Amino acid sequence: MLILLSPSTLMHITIHASQRMNHRGITKEMIIVVLEYGEPQDETVTLSRDAAARLITELQTQAERLQHHIKDAATRQIAELRGQKEKLQRRMRVTKKILDKGGVTVVIVNNTLVTVWNCVPSRKRKRCLEERIQCRETNPMERAFGLQRRKLYGQ
């Protein structure tokens, strides 16, 4: 599978990445936004929740500026400006979806999309871990299994 990043740039998507995209509800448009506005680190590009929120406010101000230009523009420029505004609004909708997911991380190696995942805030992960520990303490089967596992594996 391929993804069109720009008129001259194509990116390959592995089967694994395609499955992860479907499983995690990440669209090609989200990946394009992450690659365009995200923060690169080695082979990963991340658009965090905070960065997505900043991007949304920036896109909103750009859309407002375009609206003012549309009011002042000549009739032949209006269609072009409206097209730009619609593109900004589409990008804003996609960025809001990324914000709802808590951010998105993309892994790219040799112009191939390897995998993608939603960024989960550390508080949420911590809370889930605490709930799991509490469940083990209250559930006798989990507690017994956990004790046996610690003895066997030295945990």
N, C-alpha and C. Protein backbone atom coordinates (compact mmCIF):
# COMPACT_ATOMS: atom_id res chain seq x y z
N MET A 1 0.84 -1.17 0.00
CA MET A 1 0.00 0.00 0.00
C MET A 1 0.90 1.24 0.00
N LEU A 2 0.43 2.31 -0.61
CA LEU A 2 1.19 3.55 -0.69
C LEU A 2 0.38 4.69 -0.10
N ILE A 3 1.10 5.70 0.37
CA ILE A 3 0.46 6.92 0.83
C ILE A 3 1.12 8.09 0.09
N LEU A 4 0.31 8.99 -0.40
CA LEU A 4 0.80 10.14 -1.17
C LEU A 4 1.02 11.30 -0.21
N LEU A 5 2.28 11.65 0.04
CA LEU A 5 2.60 12.75 0.94
C LEU A 5 2.54 14.09 0.23
N SER A 6 3.04 14.12 -0.98
CA SER A 6 3.01 15.32 -1.80
C SER A 6 2.95 14.83 -3.26
N PRO A 7 2.74 15.72 -4.20
CA PRO A 7 2.65 15.27 -5.60
C PRO A 7 3.88 14.48 -6.07
N SER A 8 5.03 14.70 -5.44
CA SER A 8 6.23 14.01 -5.89
C SER A 8 6.75 12.96 -4.90
N THR A 9 6.09 12.80 -3.75
CA THR A 9 6.59 11.89 -2.72
C THR A 9 5.56 10.84 -2.35
N LEU A 10 5.95 9.57 -2.50
CA LEU A 10 5.13 8.44 -2.08
C LEU A 10 5.82 7.74 -0.91
N MET A 11 5.02 7.18 0.00
CA MET A 11 5.57 6.42 1.09
C MET A 11 4.90 5.05 1.11
N HIS A 12 5.69 4.01 1.29
CA HIS A 12 5.16 2.65 1.37
C HIS A 12 4.65 2.40 2.78
N ILE A 13 3.59 1.58 2.89
CA ILE A 13 3.03 1.20 4.19
C ILE A 13 3.12 -0.31 4.30
N THR A 14 3.74 -0.81 5.36
CA THR A 14 3.84 -2.25 5.56
C THR A 14 2.48 -2.82 5.93
N ILE A 15 2.33 -4.12 5.80
CA ILE A 15 1.08 -4.78 6.18
C ILE A 15 0.84 -4.58 7.67
N HIS A 16 1.90 -4.69 8.46
CA HIS A 16 1.78 -4.49 9.91
C HIS A 16 1.25 -3.10 10.22
N ALA A 17 1.81 -2.07 9.57
CA ALA A 17 1.36 -0.70 9.81
C ALA A 17 -0.08 -0.52 9.39
N SER A 18 -0.46 -1.12 8.29
CA SER A 18 -1.85 -1.03 7.82
C SER A 18 -2.81 -1.66 8.85
N GLN A 19 -2.41 -2.81 9.39
CA GLN A 19 -3.23 -3.46 10.41
C GLN A 19 -3.32 -2.60 11.66
N ARG A 20 -2.19 -2.02 12.09
CA ARG A 20 -2.19 -1.16 13.28
C ARG A 20 -3.05 0.07 13.06
N MET A 21 -2.99 0.64 11.84
CA MET A 21 -3.81 1.81 11.53
C MET A 21 -5.29 1.46 11.68
N ASN A 22 -5.71 0.33 11.12
CA ASN A 22 -7.10 -0.09 11.21
C ASN A 22 -7.50 -0.37 12.64
N HIS A 23 -6.65 -1.05 13.37
CA HIS A 23 -6.94 -1.44 14.74
C HIS A 23 -7.05 -0.23 15.66
N ARG A 24 -6.18 0.77 15.44
CA ARG A 24 -6.11 1.92 16.34
C ARG A 24 -6.87 3.14 15.83
N GLY A 25 -7.51 3.03 14.69
CA GLY A 25 -8.33 4.13 14.17
C GLY A 25 -7.52 5.32 13.69
N ILE A 26 -6.37 5.05 13.10
CA ILE A 26 -5.50 6.11 12.59
C ILE A 26 -5.61 6.12 11.07
N THR A 27 -5.97 7.27 10.52
CA THR A 27 -6.15 7.38 9.07
C THR A 27 -4.88 7.90 8.39
N LYS A 28 -4.87 7.79 7.06
CA LYS A 28 -3.74 8.31 6.28
C LYS A 28 -3.61 9.82 6.46
N GLU A 29 -4.74 10.50 6.55
CA GLU A 29 -4.71 11.95 6.74
C GLU A 29 -4.03 12.32 8.06
N MET A 30 -4.29 11.51 9.11
CA MET A 30 -3.64 11.75 10.40
C MET A 30 -2.13 11.58 10.27
N ILE A 31 -1.71 10.56 9.54
CA ILE A 31 -0.28 10.32 9.36
C ILE A 31 0.36 11.48 8.62
N ILE A 32 -0.31 12.00 7.60
CA ILE A 32 0.22 13.15 6.85
C ILE A 32 0.40 14.35 7.77
N VAL A 33 -0.60 14.61 8.63
CA VAL A 33 -0.50 15.74 9.57
C VAL A 33 0.64 15.52 10.55
N VAL A 34 0.78 14.29 11.06
CA VAL A 34 1.86 13.99 12.00
C VAL A 34 3.21 14.20 11.33
N LEU A 35 3.36 13.72 10.10
CA LEU A 35 4.63 13.88 9.40
C LEU A 35 4.93 15.35 9.09
N GLU A 36 3.90 16.12 8.83
CA GLU A 36 4.09 17.52 8.48
C GLU A 36 4.38 18.39 9.70
N TYR A 37 3.68 18.15 10.81
CA TYR A 37 3.79 19.04 11.97
C TYR A 37 4.41 18.38 13.21
N GLY A 38 4.67 17.07 13.16
CA GLY A 38 5.17 16.37 14.33
C GLY A 38 6.65 16.63 14.60
N GLU A 39 7.09 16.14 15.75
CA GLU A 39 8.47 16.31 16.18
C GLU A 39 9.26 15.03 15.89
N PRO A 40 10.25 15.09 15.00
CA PRO A 40 11.02 13.88 14.66
C PRO A 40 12.05 13.54 15.74
N GLN A 41 12.16 12.25 16.03
CA GLN A 41 13.18 11.74 16.95
C GLN A 41 13.65 10.41 16.37
N ASP A 42 14.87 10.36 15.90
CA ASP A 42 15.42 9.17 15.25
C ASP A 42 14.49 8.70 14.13
N GLU A 43 13.89 7.52 14.29
CA GLU A 43 13.01 6.98 13.24
C GLU A 43 11.53 7.26 13.52
N THR A 44 11.22 7.94 14.62
CA THR A 44 9.82 8.21 14.96
C THR A 44 9.50 9.68 14.76
N VAL A 45 8.24 9.93 14.49
CA VAL A 45 7.71 11.29 14.42
C VAL A 45 6.46 11.30 15.29
N THR A 46 6.42 12.23 16.27
CA THR A 46 5.32 12.27 17.22
C THR A 46 4.65 13.63 17.18
N LEU A 47 3.33 13.60 17.11
CA LEU A 47 2.54 14.82 17.32
C LEU A 47 1.80 14.59 18.63
N SER A 48 2.31 15.22 19.69
CA SER A 48 1.76 15.00 21.03
C SER A 48 0.43 15.74 21.20
N ARG A 49 -0.23 15.48 22.31
CA ARG A 49 -1.50 16.12 22.61
C ARG A 49 -1.31 17.64 22.69
N ASP A 50 -0.26 18.10 23.37
CA ASP A 50 -0.02 19.53 23.51
C ASP A 50 0.30 20.18 22.17
N ALA A 51 1.11 19.51 21.36
CA ALA A 51 1.44 20.04 20.04
C ALA A 51 0.21 20.10 19.15
N ALA A 52 -0.67 19.10 19.27
CA ALA A 52 -1.91 19.10 18.48
C ALA A 52 -2.81 20.27 18.90
N ALA A 53 -2.87 20.54 20.21
CA ALA A 53 -3.70 21.66 20.69
C ALA A 53 -3.14 22.99 20.16
N ARG A 54 -1.80 23.14 20.19
CA ARG A 54 -1.20 24.37 19.65
C ARG A 54 -1.45 24.49 18.16
N LEU A 55 -1.38 23.36 17.44
CA LEU A 55 -1.61 23.37 16.00
C LEU A 55 -3.05 23.78 15.68
N ILE A 56 -4.00 23.31 16.47
CA ILE A 56 -5.40 23.67 16.24
C ILE A 56 -5.60 25.17 16.39
N THR A 57 -5.04 25.78 17.43
CA THR A 57 -5.20 27.23 17.60
C THR A 57 -4.53 27.98 16.46
N GLU A 58 -3.37 27.49 16.00
CA GLU A 58 -2.69 28.12 14.88
C GLU A 58 -3.53 28.02 13.60
N LEU A 59 -4.10 26.86 13.35
CA LEU A 59 -4.94 26.68 12.15
C LEU A 59 -6.20 27.54 12.23
N GLN A 60 -6.75 27.69 13.44
CA GLN A 60 -7.94 28.55 13.60
C GLN A 60 -7.61 30.00 13.27
N THR A 61 -6.47 30.49 13.74
CA THR A 61 -6.11 31.88 13.43
C THR A 61 -5.85 32.06 11.93
N GLN A 62 -5.24 31.05 11.30
CA GLN A 62 -5.03 31.13 9.85
C GLN A 62 -6.36 31.15 9.11
N ALA A 63 -7.32 30.34 9.57
CA ALA A 63 -8.64 30.31 8.93
C ALA A 63 -9.36 31.65 9.10
N GLU A 64 -9.21 32.27 10.27
CA GLU A 64 -9.83 33.59 10.49
C GLU A 64 -9.21 34.64 9.59
N ARG A 65 -7.88 34.59 9.44
CA ARG A 65 -7.22 35.54 8.53
C ARG A 65 -7.71 35.36 7.10
N LEU A 66 -7.84 34.10 6.69
CA LEU A 66 -8.34 33.84 5.33
C LEU A 66 -9.76 34.37 5.16
N GLN A 67 -10.57 34.24 6.20
CA GLN A 67 -11.95 34.74 6.12
C GLN A 67 -11.94 36.25 5.89
N HIS A 68 -11.04 36.97 6.56
CA HIS A 68 -10.93 38.42 6.36
C HIS A 68 -10.46 38.73 4.94
N HIS A 69 -9.54 37.93 4.41
CA HIS A 69 -9.06 38.13 3.04
C HIS A 69 -10.17 37.85 2.03
N ILE A 70 -11.02 36.88 2.33
CA ILE A 70 -12.13 36.55 1.42
C ILE A 70 -13.08 37.72 1.32
N LYS A 71 -13.34 38.40 2.43
CA LYS A 71 -14.23 39.57 2.42
C LYS A 71 -13.67 40.70 1.58
N ASP A 72 -12.34 40.86 1.62
CA ASP A 72 -11.70 41.98 0.91
C ASP A 72 -11.26 41.63 -0.50
N ALA A 73 -11.27 40.35 -0.87
CA ALA A 73 -10.70 39.92 -2.15
C ALA A 73 -11.62 40.20 -3.32
N ALA A 74 -11.01 40.22 -4.49
CA ALA A 74 -11.77 40.35 -5.74
C ALA A 74 -12.46 39.02 -6.01
N THR A 75 -13.45 39.02 -6.86
CA THR A 75 -14.25 37.82 -7.11
C THR A 75 -13.44 36.65 -7.65
N ARG A 76 -12.42 36.90 -8.46
CA ARG A 76 -11.65 35.79 -9.02
C ARG A 76 -10.74 35.14 -7.98
N GLN A 77 -10.39 35.85 -6.92
CA GLN A 77 -9.54 35.29 -5.87
C GLN A 77 -10.36 34.55 -4.81
N ILE A 78 -11.64 34.82 -4.75
CA ILE A 78 -12.47 34.24 -3.70
C ILE A 78 -12.49 32.72 -3.76
N ALA A 79 -12.61 32.16 -4.94
CA ALA A 79 -12.66 30.70 -5.07
C ALA A 79 -11.36 30.06 -4.56
N GLU A 80 -10.22 30.66 -4.90
CA GLU A 80 -8.94 30.13 -4.45
C GLU A 80 -8.81 30.23 -2.93
N LEU A 81 -9.21 31.36 -2.38
CA LEU A 81 -9.13 31.54 -0.93
C LEU A 81 -10.08 30.60 -0.19
N ARG A 82 -11.26 30.37 -0.75
CA ARG A 82 -12.20 29.43 -0.13
C ARG A 82 -11.63 28.00 -0.14
N GLY A 83 -10.95 27.65 -1.21
CA GLY A 83 -10.31 26.33 -1.28
C GLY A 83 -9.23 26.18 -0.21
N GLN A 84 -8.46 27.24 0.00
CA GLN A 84 -7.44 27.21 1.06
C GLN A 84 -8.08 27.09 2.43
N LYS A 85 -9.19 27.80 2.61
CA LYS A 85 -9.89 27.75 3.90
C LYS A 85 -10.46 26.35 4.17
N GLU A 86 -11.02 25.72 3.15
CA GLU A 86 -11.56 24.36 3.30
C GLU A 86 -10.43 23.38 3.64
N LYS A 87 -9.28 23.57 3.02
CA LYS A 87 -8.12 22.71 3.31
C LYS A 87 -7.69 22.88 4.77
N LEU A 88 -7.66 24.11 5.25
CA LEU A 88 -7.32 24.36 6.66
C LEU A 88 -8.35 23.73 7.60
N GLN A 89 -9.64 23.84 7.24
CA GLN A 89 -10.68 23.27 8.09
C GLN A 89 -10.59 21.75 8.12
N ARG A 90 -10.26 21.11 6.99
CA ARG A 90 -10.07 19.66 6.95
C ARG A 90 -8.91 19.25 7.84
N ARG A 91 -7.82 19.98 7.72
CA ARG A 91 -6.63 19.71 8.53
C ARG A 91 -6.94 19.90 10.02
N MET A 92 -7.78 20.91 10.33
CA MET A 92 -8.17 21.15 11.71
C MET A 92 -9.00 19.98 12.26
N ARG A 93 -9.92 19.45 11.45
CA ARG A 93 -10.73 18.30 11.88
C ARG A 93 -9.84 17.09 12.16
N VAL A 94 -8.88 16.85 11.29
CA VAL A 94 -7.96 15.72 11.48
C VAL A 94 -7.13 15.92 12.74
N THR A 95 -6.67 17.15 12.96
CA THR A 95 -5.86 17.43 14.15
C THR A 95 -6.69 17.28 15.42
N LYS A 96 -7.97 17.61 15.37
CA LYS A 96 -8.84 17.40 16.54
C LYS A 96 -8.99 15.91 16.85
N LYS A 97 -9.03 15.09 15.81
CA LYS A 97 -9.09 13.64 16.03
C LYS A 97 -7.79 13.15 16.68
N ILE A 98 -6.66 13.70 16.24
CA ILE A 98 -5.37 13.34 16.84
C ILE A 98 -5.36 13.78 18.30
N LEU A 99 -5.90 14.95 18.58
CA LEU A 99 -5.98 15.45 19.95
C LEU A 99 -6.83 14.52 20.82
N ASP A 100 -7.95 14.03 20.27
CA ASP A 100 -8.81 13.09 21.00
C ASP A 100 -8.07 11.79 21.33
N LYS A 101 -7.17 11.38 20.48
CA LYS A 101 -6.41 10.15 20.71
C LYS A 101 -5.26 10.36 21.69
N GLY A 102 -4.99 11.61 22.05
CA GLY A 102 -3.88 11.89 22.94
C GLY A 102 -2.56 12.06 22.21
N GLY A 103 -2.61 12.13 20.89
CA GLY A 103 -1.42 12.25 20.08
C GLY A 103 -1.19 10.97 19.29
N VAL A 104 -0.33 11.05 18.28
CA VAL A 104 -0.03 9.90 17.43
C VAL A 104 1.47 9.86 17.16
N THR A 105 2.03 8.66 17.20
CA THR A 105 3.44 8.45 16.87
C THR A 105 3.53 7.55 15.64
N VAL A 106 4.43 7.89 14.73
CA VAL A 106 4.64 7.17 13.48
C VAL A 106 6.10 6.73 13.42
N VAL A 107 6.35 5.49 13.01
CA VAL A 107 7.72 5.00 12.84
C VAL A 107 7.97 4.80 11.35
N ILE A 108 9.04 5.44 10.86
CA ILE A 108 9.38 5.38 9.44
C ILE A 108 10.83 4.94 9.28
N VAL A 109 11.05 3.94 8.43
CA VAL A 109 12.39 3.46 8.12
C VAL A 109 12.50 3.37 6.60
N ASN A 110 13.50 4.03 6.03
CA ASN A 110 13.73 4.00 4.58
C ASN A 110 12.47 4.32 3.77
N ASN A 111 11.81 5.41 4.11
CA ASN A 111 10.61 5.86 3.41
C ASN A 111 9.50 4.81 3.44
N THR A 112 9.46 3.99 4.49
CA THR A 112 8.42 2.98 4.68
C THR A 112 7.82 3.16 6.05
N LEU A 113 6.50 3.25 6.11
CA LEU A 113 5.79 3.36 7.38
C LEU A 113 5.76 1.97 8.01
N VAL A 114 6.41 1.83 9.17
CA VAL A 114 6.55 0.53 9.81
C VAL A 114 5.41 0.27 10.79
N THR A 115 5.10 1.24 11.65
CA THR A 115 4.00 1.09 12.60
C THR A 115 3.54 2.44 13.10
N VAL A 116 2.39 2.47 13.72
CA VAL A 116 1.82 3.70 14.29
C VAL A 116 1.14 3.34 15.61
N TRP A 117 1.07 4.32 16.50
CA TRP A 117 0.32 4.11 17.74
C TRP A 117 -0.17 5.43 18.29
N ASN A 118 -1.20 5.33 19.14
CA ASN A 118 -1.74 6.49 19.83
C ASN A 118 -0.87 6.76 21.04
N CYS A 119 -0.61 8.02 21.31
CA CYS A 119 0.14 8.38 22.51
C CYS A 119 -0.85 8.39 23.67
N VAL A 120 -0.59 7.58 24.66
CA VAL A 120 -1.46 7.54 25.84
C VAL A 120 -0.78 8.35 26.92
N PRO A 121 -1.49 9.30 27.52
CA PRO A 121 -0.87 10.08 28.59
C PRO A 121 -0.38 9.18 29.72
N SER A 122 0.75 9.52 30.31
CA SER A 122 1.35 8.67 31.34
C SER A 122 0.44 8.52 32.54
N ARG A 123 -0.38 9.51 32.84
CA ARG A 123 -1.31 9.39 33.97
C ARG A 123 -2.28 8.25 33.75
N LYS A 124 -2.76 8.12 32.52
CA LYS A 124 -3.72 7.07 32.21
C LYS A 124 -3.05 5.69 32.34
N ARG A 125 -1.81 5.56 31.82
CA ARG A 125 -1.09 4.30 31.95
C ARG A 125 -0.85 3.97 33.41
N LYS A 126 -0.49 4.98 34.19
CA LYS A 126 -0.22 4.79 35.61
C LYS A 126 -1.48 4.32 36.33
N ARG A 127 -2.62 4.95 36.00
CA ARG A 127 -3.89 4.58 36.62
C ARG A 127 -4.26 3.14 36.26
N CYS A 128 -4.06 2.75 35.00
CA CYS A 128 -4.36 1.38 34.59
C CYS A 128 -3.48 0.39 35.33
N LEU A 129 -2.21 0.72 35.51
CA LEU A 129 -1.30 -0.15 36.23
C LEU A 129 -1.73 -0.28 37.69
N GLU A 130 -2.11 0.84 38.31
CA GLU A 130 -2.57 0.80 39.70
C GLU A 130 -3.83 -0.05 39.84
N GLU A 131 -4.75 0.07 38.87
CA GLU A 131 -5.97 -0.74 38.91
C GLU A 131 -5.64 -2.23 38.79
N ARG A 132 -4.66 -2.57 37.94
CA ARG A 132 -4.27 -3.96 37.79
C ARG A 132 -3.68 -4.52 39.08
N ILE A 133 -2.86 -3.72 39.75
CA ILE A 133 -2.25 -4.14 41.00
C ILE A 133 -3.33 -4.34 42.06
N GLN A 134 -4.29 -3.40 42.14
CA GLN A 134 -5.39 -3.55 43.10
C GLN A 134 -6.21 -4.79 42.81
N CYS A 135 -6.42 -5.09 41.54
CA CYS A 135 -7.19 -6.27 41.15
C CYS A 135 -6.46 -7.53 41.61
N ARG A 136 -5.15 -7.57 41.47
CA ARG A 136 -4.38 -8.74 41.90
C ARG A 136 -4.47 -8.92 43.41
N GLU A 137 -4.47 -7.80 44.13
CA GLU A 137 -4.52 -7.90 45.59
C GLU A 137 -5.86 -8.42 46.08
N THR A 138 -6.95 -8.09 45.37
CA THR A 138 -8.27 -8.50 45.82
C THR A 138 -8.70 -9.84 45.24
N ASN A 139 -8.16 -10.26 44.12
CA ASN A 139 -8.55 -11.50 43.48
C ASN A 139 -7.60 -12.63 43.92
N PRO A 140 -8.11 -13.65 44.64
CA PRO A 140 -7.23 -14.70 45.16
C PRO A 140 -6.50 -15.48 44.05
N MET A 141 -7.15 -15.72 42.92
CA MET A 141 -6.51 -16.46 41.82
C MET A 141 -5.34 -15.65 41.25
N GLU A 142 -5.57 -14.37 41.03
CA GLU A 142 -4.50 -13.52 40.51
C GLU A 142 -3.36 -13.43 41.52
N ARG A 143 -3.72 -13.29 42.79
CA ARG A 143 -2.70 -13.18 43.81
C ARG A 143 -1.86 -14.46 43.86
N ALA A 144 -2.53 -15.63 43.81
CA ALA A 144 -1.81 -16.90 43.85
C ALA A 144 -0.93 -17.06 42.62
N PHE A 145 -1.48 -16.74 41.45
CA PHE A 145 -0.70 -16.87 40.22
C PHE A 145 0.49 -15.93 40.26
N GLY A 146 0.26 -14.72 40.75
CA GLY A 146 1.35 -13.75 40.84
C GLY A 146 2.45 -14.23 41.75
N LEU A 147 2.10 -14.86 42.88
CA LEU A 147 3.11 -15.39 43.80
C LEU A 147 3.89 -16.53 43.16
N GLN A 148 3.18 -17.43 42.48
CA GLN A 148 3.85 -18.55 41.81
C GLN A 148 4.80 -18.03 40.73
N ARG A 149 4.35 -17.05 39.99
CA ARG A 149 5.15 -16.49 38.91
C ARG A 149 6.41 -15.84 39.46
N ARG A 150 6.28 -15.13 40.58
CA ARG A 150 7.45 -14.49 41.17
C ARG A 150 8.47 -15.52 41.62
N LYS A 151 7.98 -16.64 42.19
CA LYS A 151 8.89 -17.68 42.66
C LYS A 151 9.60 -18.34 41.48
N LEU A 152 8.85 -18.61 40.41
CA LEU A 152 9.43 -19.28 39.25
C LEU A 152 10.42 -18.40 38.49
N TYR A 153 10.03 -17.15 38.29
CA TYR A 153 10.83 -16.28 37.43
C TYR A 153 11.65 -15.27 38.21
N GLY A 154 11.60 -15.32 39.51
CA GLY A 154 12.40 -14.41 40.33
C GLY A 154 11.99 -12.96 40.23
N GLN A 155 10.72 -12.72 40.07
CA GLN A 155 10.21 -11.34 39.94
C GLN A 155 9.76 -10.82 41.27
